Amino acid sequence: MSAAEAQPVVTFTRTRPGGDRKSPTTEYSALLNTVRDAGLLRRSTTFYYLMFSGITLALGGVITGFILLGDSWFQLLMAAALGIVLTQYAFLAHEAAHRQIFASGKLNDVVGRTLANAFVGISYQWWMTKHSRHHANPNIVGKDPDIEPDFIIFQETDAAQKKGLYAWVLKRQGYLFFPALMLEGLNLHVHGFKTAFGRGKVQERWIEITMLTSRVGAYLAVLFLVLPLGMAFAFLGVQLAVFGVYMGAAFAPNHKGMPILPHDSKVDFLRRQVLTSRNIKGGWLMDTFMGGLNYQIEHHLFPNMPRPHLRKANEIAKEYCASHNIPFTETSLTQSYGIVIQYLNRVGLAAGGDPFDCPAAAQLGR
């Protein structure tokens, strides 16, 4: 049997050609039913057991290397490796939060909370709250927390309000984005503690507090008891920097530089998720590097789909969108980073400007 003949035949429950905009719910349901009939929403628990075992084995290797190296600056290699391992644990926590691992929601929460708090050192509750809002309204002004103003500004209207030195920085924020991610690891830990000890509602608050404080306390105690003071700080800095850059490098390509929708936009679920998301091309190595986030469109369309099924869902979703005239964006990883940098620099150009300036006059240099 040829490779072409071996490919399964996909039959869509079709709406009329071009997409029936009068029935967007039926339009998405047709795609969902196709994916479900293909068995792509079934759990792949064995895959996650193997992933967890592989990552934990890697963690064991880092710990062994840490012990054997002792007082050596080669420990910084262990620090970088630990940053990578912790990011892989974060990917698993993210998938547990989406109910991708187990059929039981409670078991997913237990695993996700343990991985996020006790292994990675970030608050599961903080992540769930923020990420759920993002999934419901990706790139929608005033609804998606991922495009709210921070050190990096994602909207020109927000950038235009910044003056002085900050405005100068914003005009170059695209180039500063990846260097700034070296502080993102620390930022994630701080958000975790602020959430756990904050006044807002936190499910399993004391479990989160216990896990976070135990994890961070034990980690710092080992570093500063085993290594000389300067080396301990260097180890911590490298680990946090690698963790932050890796997390940012995996999440940033997914929506940055894609269309931003107004607060009151009336875009149906299917188009809202596809038009604001970007996929990253690549094989199994890219799947591992990005924890499945390279299939961002499929992840947003089917958030509880296990990682191993996203590749096949990509083939179905891409064909479906083409048949319904819905733009489907895929780029390479390096192209996506270039798009992100250019987009952030373009947004930053609005900083320090007068919102009443005439755009035509500005273009003519008047």
Protein backbone atom coordinates (compact mmCIF):
# COMPACT_ATOMS: atom_id res chain seq x y z
CA MET A 1 0.00 0.00 0.00
CA SER A 2 1.35 3.41 -0.97
CA ALA A 3 1.79 6.26 1.50
CA ALA A 4 -1.05 8.13 -0.18
CA GLU A 5 -3.37 5.14 0.08
CA ALA A 6 -2.46 4.69 3.75
CA GLN A 7 -3.77 8.13 4.67
CA PRO A 8 -7.21 7.95 6.30
CA VAL A 9 -10.08 9.49 4.35
CA VAL A 10 -11.54 12.45 6.26
CA THR A 11 -15.21 13.19 5.69
CA PHE A 12 -16.46 16.54 6.95
CA THR A 13 -19.96 17.32 8.09
CA ARG A 14 -19.91 20.29 5.77
CA THR A 15 -21.67 23.59 5.80
CA ARG A 16 -22.26 25.32 2.49
CA PRO A 17 -19.07 26.25 0.51
CA GLY A 18 -17.29 29.28 1.89
CA GLY A 19 -18.67 28.77 5.37
CA ASP A 20 -22.18 29.41 6.58
CA ARG A 21 -21.70 32.61 8.56
CA LYS A 22 -25.40 32.48 9.48
CA SER A 23 -24.73 29.32 11.49
CA PRO A 24 -21.22 29.60 13.00
CA THR A 25 -22.09 27.20 15.82
CA THR A 26 -22.94 24.47 13.31
CA GLU A 27 -19.78 25.35 11.40
CA TYR A 28 -17.56 24.71 14.43
CA SER A 29 -19.61 21.68 15.48
CA ALA A 30 -18.94 20.07 12.10
CA LEU A 31 -15.20 20.38 12.66
CA LEU A 32 -15.48 19.20 16.25
CA ASN A 33 -17.50 16.16 15.22
CA THR A 34 -14.95 15.28 12.55
CA VAL A 35 -12.13 15.44 15.09
CA ARG A 36 -14.10 13.47 17.67
CA ASP A 37 -15.05 10.79 15.13
CA ALA A 38 -11.35 10.43 14.29
CA GLY A 39 -10.72 9.54 17.94
CA LEU A 40 -8.46 12.54 18.53
CA LEU A 41 -10.13 13.60 21.79
CA ARG A 42 -9.38 10.29 23.50
CA ARG A 43 -6.85 10.44 26.32
CA SER A 44 -3.25 9.33 25.71
CA THR A 45 -2.31 8.69 29.32
CA THR A 46 0.56 6.36 28.42
CA PHE A 47 2.24 9.17 26.47
CA TYR A 48 2.13 11.42 29.53
CA TYR A 49 3.45 8.72 31.83
CA LEU A 50 6.39 8.30 29.46
CA MET A 51 6.91 12.07 29.19
CA PHE A 52 6.86 12.50 32.96
CA SER A 53 9.27 9.57 33.38
CA GLY A 54 11.64 10.97 30.77
CA ILE A 55 11.63 14.46 32.27
CA THR A 56 12.10 13.06 35.79
CA LEU A 57 14.98 10.93 34.54
CA ALA A 58 16.53 14.10 33.11
CA LEU A 59 16.02 15.81 36.47
CA GLY A 60 17.80 12.90 38.13
CA GLY A 61 20.70 13.40 35.73
CA VAL A 62 20.89 17.10 36.62
CA ILE A 63 20.89 16.29 40.34
CA THR A 64 23.59 13.66 39.83
CA GLY A 65 25.70 16.11 37.85
CA PHE A 66 25.17 18.75 40.53
CA ILE A 67 26.44 16.38 43.23
CA LEU A 68 29.42 15.12 41.22
CA LEU A 69 30.60 18.54 40.01
CA GLY A 70 30.66 20.11 43.46
CA ASP A 71 32.55 23.41 43.65
CA SER A 72 32.95 23.96 39.91
CA TRP A 73 31.78 26.61 37.49
CA PHE A 74 30.60 23.78 35.24
CA GLN A 75 27.63 23.86 37.59
CA LEU A 76 26.25 26.58 35.33
CA LEU A 77 25.66 23.87 32.71
CA MET A 78 23.55 22.05 35.30
CA ALA A 79 21.71 25.29 35.97
CA ALA A 80 20.86 25.70 32.29
CA ALA A 81 19.75 22.06 32.07
CA LEU A 82 17.56 22.53 35.14
CA GLY A 83 15.88 25.54 33.50
CA ILE A 84 15.00 23.35 30.51
CA VAL A 85 13.72 20.50 32.68
CA LEU A 86 11.50 22.83 34.73
CA THR A 87 10.00 24.26 31.54
CA GLN A 88 9.13 20.76 30.39
CA TYR A 89 7.38 20.17 33.72
CA ALA A 90 5.53 23.45 33.15
CA PHE A 91 4.29 22.13 29.79
CA LEU A 92 2.86 19.07 31.56
CA ALA A 93 1.20 21.27 34.19
CA HIS A 94 -0.34 23.32 31.37
CA GLU A 95 -1.72 20.16 29.76
CA ALA A 96 -3.13 18.92 33.06
CA ALA A 97 -4.85 22.28 33.51
CA HIS A 98 -6.54 21.70 30.15
CA ARG A 99 -7.75 18.21 31.20
CA GLN A 100 -5.58 16.65 28.51
CA ILE A 101 -3.96 13.95 30.64
CA PHE A 102 -6.71 12.19 32.62
CA ALA A 103 -10.48 11.85 32.19
CA SER A 104 -10.95 12.94 35.80
CA GLY A 105 -10.92 16.72 36.25
CA LYS A 106 -9.99 16.33 39.92
CA LEU A 107 -7.00 14.12 39.11
CA ASN A 108 -5.84 16.59 36.45
CA ASP A 109 -6.03 19.38 39.03
CA VAL A 110 -4.05 17.39 41.60
CA VAL A 111 -1.33 16.58 39.06
CA GLY A 112 -1.32 20.08 37.57
CA ARG A 113 -1.16 21.77 40.98
CA THR A 114 1.66 19.48 42.13
CA LEU A 115 3.71 19.99 38.98
CA ALA A 116 3.18 23.77 38.90
CA ASN A 117 3.71 24.52 42.59
CA ALA A 118 5.98 21.79 43.92
CA PHE A 119 8.11 21.20 40.82
CA VAL A 120 8.13 24.46 38.83
CA GLY A 121 7.44 26.92 41.64
CA ILE A 122 4.54 28.84 40.08
CA SER A 123 0.94 29.08 41.27
CA TYR A 124 -1.48 26.70 39.57
CA GLN A 125 -4.39 28.92 40.62
CA TRP A 126 -2.77 32.01 39.09
CA TRP A 127 -2.08 30.14 35.87
CA MET A 128 -5.59 28.68 35.63
CA THR A 129 -7.27 32.05 36.17
CA LYS A 130 -5.10 33.94 33.70
CA HIS A 131 -4.92 31.25 31.05
CA SER A 132 -8.65 30.50 31.09
CA ARG A 133 -9.38 34.16 30.37
CA HIS A 134 -6.88 34.08 27.52
CA HIS A 135 -8.40 31.00 25.90
CA ALA A 136 -11.90 32.43 26.05
CA ASN A 137 -10.90 35.72 24.41
CA PRO A 138 -7.52 35.50 22.66
CA ASN A 139 -6.17 38.87 21.50
CA ILE A 140 -9.42 40.65 22.41
CA VAL A 141 -8.89 44.12 23.89
CA GLY A 142 -9.88 44.35 27.54
CA LYS A 143 -10.55 40.63 27.84
CA ASP A 144 -7.28 38.84 27.12
CA PRO A 145 -4.83 39.33 30.02
CA ASP A 146 -1.91 38.37 27.75
CA ILE A 147 -2.14 41.67 25.86
CA GLU A 148 -2.60 43.91 28.88
CA PRO A 149 0.18 46.50 29.42
CA ASP A 150 3.26 45.27 31.26
CA PHE A 151 6.94 45.99 30.75
CA ILE A 152 6.26 45.01 27.14
CA ILE A 153 3.36 46.86 25.50
CA PHE A 154 1.21 45.05 22.91
CA GLN A 155 -1.15 47.80 21.75
CA GLU A 156 -0.35 51.17 20.18
CA THR A 157 -3.01 52.96 22.26
CA ASP A 158 -1.21 51.86 25.44
CA ALA A 159 2.23 52.71 24.04
CA ALA A 160 1.09 56.22 23.07
CA GLN A 161 0.53 57.06 26.73
CA LYS A 162 4.15 56.39 27.71
CA LYS A 163 6.62 59.25 27.90
CA GLY A 164 10.24 59.93 28.67
CA LEU A 165 12.81 57.17 29.10
CA TYR A 166 10.16 54.45 29.05
CA ALA A 167 8.97 55.72 25.67
CA TRP A 168 12.56 55.50 24.38
CA VAL A 169 12.74 51.89 25.58
CA LEU A 170 9.37 51.01 24.05
CA LYS A 171 10.48 52.16 20.62
CA ARG A 172 13.06 49.36 20.82
CA GLN A 173 11.00 46.85 22.79
CA GLY A 174 11.07 44.27 20.01
CA TYR A 175 14.84 43.99 20.26
CA LEU A 176 14.64 43.97 24.05
CA PHE A 177 11.91 41.34 24.23
CA PHE A 178 14.06 38.22 24.40
CA PRO A 179 16.68 39.74 26.73
CA ALA A 180 13.81 40.84 28.99
CA LEU A 181 12.58 37.25 29.13
CA MET A 182 15.61 36.44 31.27
CA LEU A 183 13.65 38.04 34.11
CA GLU A 184 10.39 36.27 33.27
CA GLY A 185 11.27 33.23 35.38
CA LEU A 186 11.58 35.41 38.47
CA ASN A 187 8.39 37.23 37.48
CA LEU A 188 6.44 33.95 37.33
CA HIS A 189 7.61 32.97 40.81
CA VAL A 190 6.65 36.37 42.19
CA HIS A 191 3.18 36.12 40.66
CA GLY A 192 2.82 32.71 42.27
CA PHE A 193 3.53 34.00 45.76
CA LYS A 194 1.41 37.12 45.26
CA THR A 195 -1.52 34.92 44.27
CA ALA A 196 -1.09 32.37 47.06
CA PHE A 197 -0.75 35.03 49.76
CA GLY A 198 -3.11 37.56 48.16
CA ARG A 199 -6.65 38.48 49.14
CA GLY A 200 -8.35 36.97 46.10
CA LYS A 201 -10.05 33.60 46.11
CA VAL A 202 -7.55 30.75 45.78
CA GLN A 203 -8.66 27.15 45.61
CA GLU A 204 -6.56 24.93 47.87
CA ARG A 205 -4.76 28.02 49.14
CA TRP A 206 -2.86 26.30 51.92
CA ILE A 207 -1.78 23.47 49.67
CA GLU A 208 -0.39 26.01 47.22
CA ILE A 209 1.34 27.99 49.99
CA THR A 210 2.85 24.82 51.45
CA MET A 211 4.06 23.57 48.07
CA LEU A 212 5.48 26.91 46.95
CA THR A 213 7.31 27.73 50.17
CA SER A 214 8.64 24.18 50.57
CA ARG A 215 9.85 24.02 46.99
CA VAL A 216 11.54 27.42 46.95
CA GLY A 217 12.94 27.04 50.47
CA ALA A 218 14.44 23.60 49.81
CA TYR A 219 15.87 24.69 46.45
CA LEU A 220 17.58 27.78 47.86
CA ALA A 221 18.83 25.89 50.90
CA VAL A 222 20.53 23.26 48.73
CA LEU A 223 22.13 25.86 46.49
CA PHE A 224 23.51 28.07 49.23
CA LEU A 225 24.60 25.23 51.51
CA VAL A 226 26.39 23.24 48.81
CA LEU A 227 27.88 25.96 46.61
CA PRO A 228 30.02 28.99 47.42
CA LEU A 229 27.97 32.17 47.72
CA GLY A 230 28.91 33.67 44.34
CA MET A 231 28.47 30.39 42.52
CA ALA A 232 25.09 29.81 44.16
CA PHE A 233 23.85 33.20 42.96
CA ALA A 234 25.24 32.50 39.48
CA PHE A 235 23.53 29.09 39.38
CA LEU A 236 20.23 30.63 40.43
CA GLY A 237 20.56 33.43 37.88
CA VAL A 238 21.34 31.10 34.97
CA GLN A 239 18.54 28.70 35.89
CA LEU A 240 15.96 31.48 36.13
CA ALA A 241 17.17 33.10 32.90
CA VAL A 242 17.00 29.87 30.89
CA PHE A 243 13.60 29.03 32.37
CA GLY A 244 12.23 32.49 31.54
CA VAL A 245 13.61 32.62 28.00
CA TYR A 246 12.46 29.08 27.24
CA MET A 247 8.95 29.75 28.54
CA GLY A 248 8.73 32.99 26.58
CA ALA A 249 10.21 31.44 23.45
CA ALA A 250 7.53 28.74 23.55
CA PHE A 251 4.53 30.98 24.28
CA ALA A 252 5.41 34.23 22.45
CA PRO A 253 5.12 32.99 18.82
CA ASN A 254 1.53 31.84 19.32
CA HIS A 255 -0.41 35.14 19.25
CA LYS A 256 1.99 38.10 19.17
CA GLY A 257 1.69 39.91 15.86
CA MET A 258 -1.64 38.27 15.03
CA PRO A 259 -4.83 40.38 14.69
CA ILE A 260 -6.07 42.11 17.83
CA LEU A 261 -9.85 42.28 18.01
CA PRO A 262 -11.85 45.12 19.59
CA HIS A 263 -13.55 44.61 22.92
CA ASP A 264 -17.03 44.39 21.41
CA SER A 265 -16.12 42.23 18.41
CA LYS A 266 -18.74 39.69 17.33
CA VAL A 267 -16.44 37.04 15.88
CA ASP A 268 -17.65 33.44 16.19
CA PHE A 269 -15.63 30.91 18.20
CA LEU A 270 -14.07 29.15 15.20
CA ARG A 271 -12.73 32.32 13.59
CA ARG A 272 -11.85 33.96 16.89
CA GLN A 273 -9.49 31.11 17.70
CA VAL A 274 -8.04 30.56 14.22
CA LEU A 275 -7.54 34.19 13.15
CA THR A 276 -5.71 35.20 16.34
CA SER A 277 -3.41 32.16 16.56
CA ARG A 278 -0.28 31.08 14.73
CA ASN A 279 1.12 27.57 14.26
CA ILE A 280 4.83 26.75 14.10
CA LYS A 281 6.00 24.26 11.50
CA GLY A 282 8.26 21.38 12.46
CA GLY A 283 8.45 17.69 13.25
CA TRP A 284 8.50 15.73 16.49
CA LEU A 285 11.49 17.72 17.76
CA MET A 286 9.46 20.94 17.53
CA ASP A 287 6.55 19.19 19.24
CA THR A 288 8.87 18.36 22.15
CA PHE A 289 10.61 21.73 22.25
CA MET A 290 7.32 23.64 22.42
CA GLY A 291 5.32 21.12 24.41
CA GLY A 292 2.68 20.93 21.69
CA LEU A 293 2.19 24.71 21.69
CA ASN A 294 3.40 24.77 18.09
CA TYR A 295 -0.12 23.57 17.23
CA GLN A 296 -1.63 26.67 18.78
CA ILE A 297 -4.64 26.82 16.47
CA GLU A 298 -5.65 23.24 17.21
CA HIS A 299 -4.92 23.73 20.90
CA HIS A 300 -7.32 26.68 21.00
CA LEU A 301 -9.98 24.88 18.98
CA PHE A 302 -9.74 21.70 21.07
CA PRO A 303 -8.10 22.71 24.38
CA ASN A 304 -8.52 19.28 26.01
CA MET A 305 -6.93 17.39 23.10
CA PRO A 306 -3.84 15.38 24.16
CA ARG A 307 -0.56 16.48 22.66
CA PRO A 308 0.06 13.33 20.55
CA HIS A 309 -3.15 13.96 18.57
CA LEU A 310 -2.51 17.58 17.64
CA ARG A 311 -0.53 16.73 14.51
CA LYS A 312 -3.39 14.78 12.96
CA ALA A 313 -5.89 17.44 14.09
CA ASN A 314 -3.69 19.99 12.31
CA GLU A 315 -4.23 18.21 8.99
CA ILE A 316 -7.99 18.16 9.51
CA ALA A 317 -8.29 21.76 10.74
CA LYS A 318 -6.11 23.13 7.96
CA GLU A 319 -8.17 21.42 5.27
CA TYR A 320 -11.41 22.50 6.93
CA CYS A 321 -10.36 26.14 7.16
CA ALA A 322 -9.22 26.12 3.53
CA SER A 323 -12.62 24.78 2.45
CA HIS A 324 -14.35 27.52 4.46
CA ASN A 325 -12.07 30.39 3.37
CA ILE A 326 -10.68 30.95 6.87
CA PRO A 327 -7.04 32.17 6.87
CA PHE A 328 -4.80 29.61 8.61
CA THR A 329 -1.37 30.90 9.67
CA GLU A 330 1.72 28.69 9.90
CA THR A 331 5.35 29.86 9.93
CA SER A 332 8.74 28.55 10.93
CA LEU A 333 9.98 29.25 14.45
CA THR A 334 12.58 31.78 13.29
CA GLN A 335 10.03 33.56 11.09
CA SER A 336 7.65 33.82 14.04
CA TYR A 337 10.34 35.39 16.21
CA GLY A 338 11.06 37.92 13.47
CA ILE A 339 7.36 38.75 13.22
CA VAL A 340 7.13 39.21 17.00
CA ILE A 341 10.15 41.53 17.10
CA GLN A 342 8.90 43.65 14.17
CA TYR A 343 5.40 43.85 15.63
CA LEU A 344 6.60 44.95 19.07
CA ASN A 345 8.89 47.59 17.55
CA ARG A 346 6.01 48.87 15.43
CA VAL A 347 3.79 49.15 18.51
CA GLY A 348 6.60 50.87 20.39
CA LEU A 349 6.88 53.59 17.76
CA ALA A 350 3.62 55.02 19.11
CA ALA A 351 5.27 55.75 22.46
CA GLY A 352 5.80 59.40 23.33
CA GLY A 353 3.72 60.60 20.41
CA ASP A 354 0.88 63.09 20.43
CA PRO A 355 -2.39 61.22 19.79
CA PHE A 356 -3.69 64.34 17.95
CA ASP A 357 -0.79 64.41 15.50
CA CYS A 358 -1.78 64.14 11.85
CA PRO A 359 -0.53 60.75 10.54
CA ALA A 360 -0.09 62.11 7.00
CA ALA A 361 2.03 65.00 8.25
CA ALA A 362 4.10 62.62 10.34
CA GLN A 363 4.81 60.49 7.29
CA LEU A 364 5.92 63.58 5.35
CA GLY A 365 8.23 64.56 8.18
CA ARG A 366 6.33 67.79 8.92
